[in-house]
Amino acid sequence: MNVLAESLQDIQLALLTCKLMETDREKPQFKHLIQNHFINSGKATDDIFLSSMGYYFLGQHIESVNCLYEFHEEPEKEYREYEFS
């Protein structure tokens, strides 16, 4: 799988091959591929959508939404006090 993903630069073919060939219910190669090429790459390049897709593929839907939310948090607003006379 790493040959397809890294040498051929074809992540889609690597994902498809993992889905078709892995017989283990835990799918460790699929999870490793998603973790390295989606989540870690997304964090390294600040691509929140890539990270979100990675979490979604792993079934971590809440984490998928949280990584989108954390990126778009608005800074706290400063309020000034005015005196009226």
Protein backbone atom coordinates (compact mmCIF):
# COMPACT_ATOMS: atom_id res chain seq x y z
CA MET A 1 0.00 0.00 0.00
CA ASN A 2 2.84 2.38 0.76
CA VAL A 3 4.24 1.81 -2.73
CA LEU A 4 0.96 2.95 -4.26
CA ALA A 5 0.60 5.93 -1.96
CA GLU A 6 4.18 7.18 -1.81
CA SER A 7 5.99 5.98 -4.92
CA LEU A 8 3.14 6.22 -7.41
CA GLN A 9 1.50 9.15 -5.60
CA ASP A 10 -1.91 7.50 -6.10
CA ILE A 11 -3.73 7.68 -2.79
CA GLN A 12 -7.07 6.73 -4.34
CA LEU A 13 -5.70 3.47 -5.73
CA ALA A 14 -4.04 2.73 -2.39
CA LEU A 15 -7.35 3.27 -0.55
CA LEU A 16 -9.24 1.09 -3.01
CA THR A 17 -6.65 -1.67 -2.75
CA CYS A 18 -6.81 -1.55 1.05
CA LYS A 19 -10.59 -1.80 1.03
CA LEU A 20 -10.56 -4.76 -1.36
CA MET A 21 -7.59 -6.74 -0.07
CA GLU A 22 -7.70 -6.36 3.70
CA THR A 23 -9.54 -9.18 5.40
CA ASP A 24 -8.88 -8.17 9.01
CA ARG A 25 -11.92 -6.48 10.56
CA GLU A 26 -9.73 -3.86 12.23
CA LYS A 27 -8.17 -2.86 8.85
CA PRO A 28 -4.79 -1.71 10.24
CA GLN A 29 -3.28 -0.84 6.85
CA PHE A 30 -6.31 1.26 5.90
CA LYS A 31 -6.17 3.12 9.22
CA HIS A 32 -2.42 3.65 8.87
CA LEU A 33 -2.89 5.01 5.34
CA ILE A 34 -5.64 7.39 6.45
CA GLN A 35 -3.65 8.53 9.49
CA ASN A 36 -0.48 9.24 7.51
CA HIS A 37 -1.82 10.58 4.24
CA PHE A 38 -4.93 12.40 5.36
CA ILE A 39 -4.76 13.43 9.00
CA ASN A 40 -1.01 14.00 9.44
CA SER A 41 -0.58 15.55 5.99
CA GLY A 42 -3.56 17.81 6.63
CA LYS A 43 -2.10 18.99 9.91
CA ALA A 44 1.35 19.53 8.38
CA THR A 45 -0.03 21.64 5.54
CA ASP A 46 -2.85 23.31 7.54
CA ASP A 47 -5.42 21.69 5.26
CA ILE A 48 -8.38 21.30 7.60
CA PHE A 49 -10.54 19.63 4.98
CA LEU A 50 -8.00 16.86 4.41
CA SER A 51 -7.80 16.23 8.16
CA SER A 52 -11.58 16.31 8.44
CA MET A 53 -11.95 13.74 5.66
CA GLY A 54 -9.41 11.50 7.38
CA TYR A 55 -11.31 11.53 10.65
CA TYR A 56 -14.55 10.92 8.76
CA PHE A 57 -13.10 7.87 6.97
CA LEU A 58 -12.02 6.46 10.33
CA GLY A 59 -15.55 6.87 11.68
CA GLN A 60 -14.58 9.65 14.09
CA HIS A 61 -17.33 12.00 13.00
CA ILE A 62 -17.22 14.27 16.04
CA GLU A 63 -13.47 14.78 15.67
CA SER A 64 -14.06 15.48 11.97
CA VAL A 65 -16.37 18.38 12.80
CA ASN A 66 -14.21 19.55 15.71
CA CYS A 67 -11.13 20.02 13.55
CA LEU A 68 -13.18 22.26 11.24
CA TYR A 69 -14.55 24.22 14.18
CA GLU A 70 -11.21 24.70 15.93
CA PHE A 71 -9.70 26.23 12.83
CA HIS A 72 -12.49 28.79 12.46
CA GLU A 73 -12.79 29.92 16.06
CA GLU A 74 -13.18 33.64 16.25
CA PRO A 75 -10.89 35.54 18.58
CA GLU A 76 -12.53 37.11 21.58
CA LYS A 77 -13.80 40.59 20.93
CA GLU A 78 -12.63 43.48 23.02
CA TYR A 79 -15.29 45.75 24.39
CA ARG A 80 -14.57 49.30 25.37
CA GLU A 81 -16.39 51.03 28.14
CA TYR A 82 -17.79 54.45 27.41
CA GLU A 83 -18.96 56.96 29.92
CA PHE A 84 -22.04 58.92 29.06
CA SER A 85 -22.39 62.32 30.64
